[in-house]
Amino acid sequence: MTGDPRVDPVLGLAMFLLKRGDDDGYLFLDFQQAKAGSWEYDVTKQMKDAKFLEERREAFDEAGVDSYRFLGTHSCKRGGVQLYRLLGVPDQKIKELGNWSTYSAYFAYVQASNRL
């Protein structure tokens, strides 16, 4: 399953970010299918956690991952923050994209572990 964007979270996020582009607004957007093979999004409409999680779980189930029910949004958000930092995106920009109101809340996702 290596290299399968349905299972590899870094590859999946990278593909998502390529599709999403650099527009200002929410990081996770609610994509809507416009025409066959064409997708549109609005940067002012955030994808709800439940829909994001449902879509990831469906992809994992389709790919044959037995533990798809244990996937949560927290690990996805942590991975996204850490990937953006590795790509050199400034902390202020990531904080805004992730919709954190304080730096202390944001930096909880930057740490290597939630256990201090």
N, C-alpha and C. Protein backbone atom coordinates (compact mmCIF):
# COMPACT_ATOMS: atom_id res chain seq x y z
N MET A 1 0.81 -1.19 0.00
CA MET A 1 0.00 0.00 0.00
C MET A 1 0.86 1.26 0.00
N THR A 2 2.17 1.10 -0.05
CA THR A 2 3.05 2.25 -0.09
C THR A 2 2.77 3.06 -1.34
N GLY A 3 2.70 4.36 -1.17
CA GLY A 3 2.44 5.22 -2.32
C GLY A 3 0.98 5.38 -2.66
N ASP A 4 0.10 4.80 -1.89
CA ASP A 4 -1.33 4.94 -2.12
C ASP A 4 -1.83 6.14 -1.32
N PRO A 5 -2.28 7.22 -1.99
CA PRO A 5 -2.69 8.42 -1.25
C PRO A 5 -3.89 8.20 -0.34
N ARG A 6 -4.61 7.10 -0.51
CA ARG A 6 -5.72 6.80 0.39
C ARG A 6 -5.21 6.32 1.73
N VAL A 7 -3.98 5.79 1.76
CA VAL A 7 -3.43 5.19 2.97
C VAL A 7 -2.23 5.98 3.50
N ASP A 8 -1.41 6.50 2.63
CA ASP A 8 -0.23 7.25 3.04
C ASP A 8 -0.65 8.68 3.38
N PRO A 9 -0.66 9.05 4.68
CA PRO A 9 -1.19 10.36 5.06
C PRO A 9 -0.37 11.53 4.52
N VAL A 10 0.95 11.37 4.41
CA VAL A 10 1.77 12.47 3.90
C VAL A 10 1.50 12.66 2.41
N LEU A 11 1.45 11.58 1.66
CA LEU A 11 1.15 11.67 0.23
C LEU A 11 -0.26 12.21 0.02
N GLY A 12 -1.20 11.71 0.82
CA GLY A 12 -2.58 12.18 0.69
C GLY A 12 -2.70 13.67 0.97
N LEU A 13 -2.02 14.14 2.03
CA LEU A 13 -2.06 15.56 2.35
C LEU A 13 -1.36 16.38 1.27
N ALA A 14 -0.24 15.89 0.77
CA ALA A 14 0.47 16.61 -0.29
C ALA A 14 -0.41 16.76 -1.53
N MET A 15 -1.11 15.70 -1.90
CA MET A 15 -2.01 15.77 -3.06
C MET A 15 -3.16 16.74 -2.80
N PHE A 16 -3.68 16.71 -1.58
CA PHE A 16 -4.75 17.64 -1.22
C PHE A 16 -4.27 19.08 -1.32
N LEU A 17 -3.07 19.36 -0.80
CA LEU A 17 -2.55 20.72 -0.82
C LEU A 17 -2.28 21.20 -2.25
N LEU A 18 -1.84 20.29 -3.12
CA LEU A 18 -1.66 20.65 -4.52
C LEU A 18 -3.00 21.05 -5.15
N LYS A 19 -4.04 20.32 -4.85
CA LYS A 19 -5.37 20.62 -5.39
C LYS A 19 -5.92 21.90 -4.78
N ARG A 20 -5.71 22.09 -3.47
CA ARG A 20 -6.26 23.24 -2.76
C ARG A 20 -5.61 24.54 -3.21
N GLY A 21 -4.31 24.51 -3.43
CA GLY A 21 -3.60 25.72 -3.85
C GLY A 21 -3.23 26.62 -2.68
N ASP A 22 -2.76 27.81 -2.99
CA ASP A 22 -2.24 28.75 -2.00
C ASP A 22 -3.24 29.83 -1.60
N ASP A 23 -4.48 29.71 -1.99
CA ASP A 23 -5.46 30.74 -1.67
C ASP A 23 -5.59 30.93 -0.17
N ASP A 24 -5.82 32.17 0.26
CA ASP A 24 -6.09 32.44 1.66
C ASP A 24 -7.42 31.79 2.03
N GLY A 25 -7.58 31.50 3.29
CA GLY A 25 -8.82 30.88 3.77
C GLY A 25 -8.52 29.65 4.58
N TYR A 26 -9.54 28.85 4.79
CA TYR A 26 -9.40 27.64 5.59
C TYR A 26 -8.49 26.62 4.91
N LEU A 27 -7.82 25.83 5.74
CA LEU A 27 -6.95 24.79 5.21
C LEU A 27 -7.77 23.68 4.57
N PHE A 28 -8.75 23.15 5.31
CA PHE A 28 -9.58 22.08 4.79
C PHE A 28 -10.90 22.66 4.31
N LEU A 29 -11.06 22.59 3.00
CA LEU A 29 -12.22 23.19 2.35
C LEU A 29 -13.20 22.11 1.93
N ASP A 30 -14.44 22.51 1.81
CA ASP A 30 -15.48 21.59 1.38
C ASP A 30 -15.54 21.59 -0.15
N PHE A 31 -14.83 20.65 -0.77
CA PHE A 31 -14.84 20.52 -2.23
C PHE A 31 -16.20 20.01 -2.68
N GLN A 32 -16.67 20.52 -3.79
CA GLN A 32 -17.93 20.07 -4.39
C GLN A 32 -17.66 19.69 -5.84
N GLN A 33 -18.23 18.58 -6.28
CA GLN A 33 -18.04 18.17 -7.67
C GLN A 33 -18.91 19.06 -8.55
N ALA A 34 -18.28 19.72 -9.52
CA ALA A 34 -19.00 20.63 -10.41
C ALA A 34 -19.47 19.89 -11.66
N LYS A 35 -18.57 19.21 -12.31
CA LYS A 35 -18.86 18.42 -13.51
C LYS A 35 -18.09 17.12 -13.37
N ALA A 36 -18.34 16.21 -14.25
CA ALA A 36 -17.61 14.94 -14.21
C ALA A 36 -16.11 15.22 -14.27
N GLY A 37 -15.40 14.83 -13.21
CA GLY A 37 -13.97 15.02 -13.15
C GLY A 37 -13.52 16.41 -12.75
N SER A 38 -14.44 17.30 -12.44
CA SER A 38 -14.10 18.68 -12.07
C SER A 38 -14.61 18.99 -10.67
N TRP A 39 -13.75 19.63 -9.87
CA TRP A 39 -14.10 19.95 -8.49
C TRP A 39 -13.91 21.44 -8.24
N GLU A 40 -14.76 22.01 -7.40
CA GLU A 40 -14.67 23.42 -7.04
C GLU A 40 -14.67 23.54 -5.52
N TYR A 41 -14.13 24.66 -5.02
CA TYR A 41 -14.16 24.91 -3.59
C TYR A 41 -14.29 26.41 -3.36
N ASP A 42 -14.68 26.74 -2.15
CA ASP A 42 -14.81 28.12 -1.71
C ASP A 42 -13.99 28.26 -0.44
N VAL A 43 -12.97 29.15 -0.44
CA VAL A 43 -12.07 29.27 0.70
C VAL A 43 -12.77 29.80 1.94
N THR A 44 -13.98 30.29 1.82
CA THR A 44 -14.72 30.78 2.99
C THR A 44 -15.57 29.70 3.63
N LYS A 45 -15.61 28.51 3.02
CA LYS A 45 -16.41 27.41 3.55
C LYS A 45 -15.49 26.29 4.04
N GLN A 46 -15.44 26.14 5.34
CA GLN A 46 -14.58 25.13 5.95
C GLN A 46 -15.25 23.77 5.93
N MET A 47 -14.46 22.74 5.63
CA MET A 47 -14.98 21.38 5.71
C MET A 47 -15.16 21.02 7.19
N LYS A 48 -16.28 20.51 7.53
CA LYS A 48 -16.55 20.11 8.91
C LYS A 48 -15.76 18.85 9.25
N ASP A 49 -15.35 18.76 10.52
CA ASP A 49 -14.55 17.62 10.97
C ASP A 49 -15.20 16.28 10.64
N ALA A 50 -16.50 16.19 10.85
CA ALA A 50 -17.20 14.92 10.63
C ALA A 50 -17.12 14.48 9.17
N LYS A 51 -17.25 15.42 8.24
CA LYS A 51 -17.17 15.08 6.81
C LYS A 51 -15.74 14.69 6.43
N PHE A 52 -14.76 15.45 6.94
CA PHE A 52 -13.37 15.13 6.67
C PHE A 52 -13.06 13.72 7.14
N LEU A 53 -13.46 13.40 8.36
CA LEU A 53 -13.20 12.10 8.95
C LEU A 53 -13.93 11.00 8.17
N GLU A 54 -15.16 11.24 7.81
CA GLU A 54 -15.93 10.25 7.06
C GLU A 54 -15.26 9.93 5.72
N GLU A 55 -14.79 10.96 5.02
CA GLU A 55 -14.15 10.74 3.73
C GLU A 55 -12.83 9.98 3.87
N ARG A 56 -12.04 10.29 4.91
CA ARG A 56 -10.79 9.56 5.13
C ARG A 56 -11.07 8.11 5.48
N ARG A 57 -12.05 7.87 6.34
CA ARG A 57 -12.38 6.50 6.73
C ARG A 57 -12.88 5.69 5.53
N GLU A 58 -13.68 6.30 4.67
CA GLU A 58 -14.16 5.60 3.47
C GLU A 58 -12.99 5.22 2.56
N ALA A 59 -12.03 6.13 2.40
CA ALA A 59 -10.87 5.84 1.55
C ALA A 59 -10.03 4.72 2.15
N PHE A 60 -9.83 4.74 3.47
CA PHE A 60 -9.06 3.68 4.12
C PHE A 60 -9.78 2.34 4.00
N ASP A 61 -11.09 2.34 4.18
CA ASP A 61 -11.88 1.11 4.06
C ASP A 61 -11.77 0.57 2.63
N GLU A 62 -11.90 1.44 1.65
CA GLU A 62 -11.80 1.04 0.24
C GLU A 62 -10.42 0.47 -0.08
N ALA A 63 -9.39 1.01 0.58
CA ALA A 63 -8.02 0.53 0.35
C ALA A 63 -7.70 -0.74 1.13
N GLY A 64 -8.64 -1.21 1.95
CA GLY A 64 -8.43 -2.45 2.68
C GLY A 64 -7.75 -2.30 4.02
N VAL A 65 -7.75 -1.11 4.58
CA VAL A 65 -7.14 -0.89 5.89
C VAL A 65 -8.16 -1.25 6.96
N ASP A 66 -7.87 -2.30 7.74
CA ASP A 66 -8.84 -2.80 8.71
C ASP A 66 -9.09 -1.85 9.88
N SER A 67 -8.10 -1.04 10.23
CA SER A 67 -8.23 -0.18 11.41
C SER A 67 -8.76 1.20 11.08
N TYR A 68 -9.44 1.37 9.95
CA TYR A 68 -9.91 2.69 9.53
C TYR A 68 -10.85 3.33 10.55
N ARG A 69 -11.56 2.55 11.34
CA ARG A 69 -12.50 3.10 12.32
C ARG A 69 -11.79 3.85 13.45
N PHE A 70 -10.49 3.58 13.62
CA PHE A 70 -9.75 4.21 14.71
C PHE A 70 -9.10 5.54 14.30
N LEU A 71 -9.23 5.91 13.03
CA LEU A 71 -8.67 7.17 12.55
C LEU A 71 -9.44 8.35 13.15
N GLY A 72 -8.70 9.36 13.63
CA GLY A 72 -9.32 10.57 14.17
C GLY A 72 -8.76 11.81 13.49
N THR A 73 -9.39 12.93 13.73
CA THR A 73 -8.95 14.17 13.10
C THR A 73 -7.71 14.76 13.77
N HIS A 74 -7.49 14.45 15.03
CA HIS A 74 -6.37 15.03 15.76
C HIS A 74 -5.03 14.69 15.09
N SER A 75 -4.85 13.43 14.73
CA SER A 75 -3.58 13.03 14.11
C SER A 75 -3.41 13.68 12.74
N CYS A 76 -4.50 13.88 12.02
CA CYS A 76 -4.42 14.54 10.72
C CYS A 76 -4.00 16.00 10.88
N LYS A 77 -4.56 16.66 11.88
CA LYS A 77 -4.23 18.07 12.10
C LYS A 77 -2.77 18.20 12.54
N ARG A 78 -2.32 17.32 13.43
CA ARG A 78 -0.92 17.35 13.87
C ARG A 78 0.02 17.11 12.68
N GLY A 79 -0.30 16.14 11.86
CA GLY A 79 0.54 15.84 10.70
C GLY A 79 0.57 17.00 9.72
N GLY A 80 -0.56 17.65 9.51
CA GLY A 80 -0.62 18.80 8.61
C GLY A 80 0.23 19.95 9.10
N VAL A 81 0.15 20.23 10.40
CA VAL A 81 0.96 21.31 10.99
C VAL A 81 2.44 20.99 10.81
N GLN A 82 2.83 19.78 11.12
CA GLN A 82 4.23 19.43 11.05
C GLN A 82 4.74 19.44 9.60
N LEU A 83 3.90 19.02 8.65
CA LEU A 83 4.28 19.06 7.24
C LEU A 83 4.46 20.50 6.77
N TYR A 84 3.53 21.37 7.10
CA TYR A 84 3.65 22.77 6.71
C TYR A 84 4.93 23.39 7.28
N ARG A 85 5.25 23.05 8.53
CA ARG A 85 6.48 23.60 9.13
C ARG A 85 7.71 23.09 8.39
N LEU A 86 7.71 21.80 8.03
CA LEU A 86 8.84 21.25 7.27
C LEU A 86 8.98 21.91 5.90
N LEU A 87 7.85 22.35 5.34
CA LEU A 87 7.87 23.03 4.04
C LEU A 87 8.25 24.50 4.17
N GLY A 88 8.44 24.98 5.42
CA GLY A 88 8.88 26.35 5.63
C GLY A 88 7.78 27.39 5.74
N VAL A 89 6.53 26.95 5.90
CA VAL A 89 5.43 27.90 6.05
C VAL A 89 5.54 28.55 7.43
N PRO A 90 5.44 29.89 7.52
CA PRO A 90 5.56 30.57 8.82
C PRO A 90 4.48 30.13 9.81
N ASP A 91 4.86 30.09 11.10
CA ASP A 91 3.92 29.67 12.14
C ASP A 91 2.65 30.52 12.14
N GLN A 92 2.76 31.82 11.95
CA GLN A 92 1.58 32.69 11.95
C GLN A 92 0.59 32.27 10.87
N LYS A 93 1.09 31.93 9.68
CA LYS A 93 0.23 31.51 8.57
C LYS A 93 -0.45 30.18 8.89
N ILE A 94 0.31 29.22 9.44
CA ILE A 94 -0.27 27.92 9.80
C ILE A 94 -1.33 28.11 10.88
N LYS A 95 -1.04 28.95 11.86
CA LYS A 95 -1.99 29.22 12.95
C LYS A 95 -3.30 29.76 12.39
N GLU A 96 -3.20 30.67 11.44
CA GLU A 96 -4.40 31.24 10.82
C GLU A 96 -5.16 30.19 10.01
N LEU A 97 -4.43 29.40 9.23
CA LEU A 97 -5.06 28.36 8.42
C LEU A 97 -5.75 27.30 9.28
N GLY A 98 -5.13 27.00 10.43
CA GLY A 98 -5.70 26.00 11.33
C GLY A 98 -6.78 26.55 12.24
N ASN A 99 -6.99 27.85 12.17
CA ASN A 99 -8.05 28.52 12.94
C ASN A 99 -7.83 28.43 14.45
N TRP A 100 -6.54 28.48 14.88
CA TRP A 100 -6.23 28.53 16.31
C TRP A 100 -6.29 29.99 16.75
N SER A 101 -6.84 30.24 17.90
CA SER A 101 -6.94 31.62 18.38
C SER A 101 -5.71 32.04 19.18
N THR A 102 -4.97 31.09 19.74
CA THR A 102 -3.78 31.43 20.53
C THR A 102 -2.60 30.59 20.07
N TYR A 103 -1.40 31.12 20.33
CA TYR A 103 -0.19 30.37 20.01
C TYR A 103 -0.03 29.15 20.91
N SER A 104 -0.49 29.23 22.15
CA SER A 104 -0.35 28.07 23.03
C SER A 104 -1.17 26.89 22.50
N ALA A 105 -2.35 27.16 21.97
CA ALA A 105 -3.16 26.09 21.38
C ALA A 105 -2.48 25.53 20.13
N TYR A 106 -1.94 26.44 19.31
CA TYR A 106 -1.26 26.03 18.09
C TYR A 106 -0.02 25.18 18.39
N PHE A 107 0.82 25.63 19.34
CA PHE A 107 2.06 24.92 19.62
C PHE A 107 1.85 23.55 20.24
N ALA A 108 0.67 23.27 20.75
CA ALA A 108 0.36 21.92 21.23
C ALA A 108 0.43 20.93 20.07
N TYR A 109 0.16 21.41 18.85
CA TYR A 109 0.22 20.55 17.66
C TYR A 109 1.62 20.48 17.04
N VAL A 110 2.50 21.38 17.46
CA VAL A 110 3.85 21.43 16.91
C VAL A 110 4.78 20.47 17.64
N GLN A 111 4.52 20.26 18.91
CA GLN A 111 5.39 19.41 19.72
C GLN A 111 5.44 18.00 19.18
N ALA A 112 6.56 17.33 19.41
CA ALA A 112 6.73 15.96 18.95
C ALA A 112 5.73 15.02 19.61
N SER A 113 5.30 15.37 20.81
CA SER A 113 4.36 14.54 21.53
C SER A 113 3.46 15.43 22.38
N ASN A 114 2.24 15.02 22.60
CA ASN A 114 1.34 15.78 23.47
C ASN A 114 1.70 15.60 24.93
N ARG A 115 2.50 14.59 25.21
CA ARG A 115 2.91 14.33 26.60
C ARG A 115 4.21 15.07 26.85
N LEU A 116 4.16 16.05 27.72
CA LEU A 116 5.35 16.85 28.03
C LEU A 116 6.21 16.15 29.06
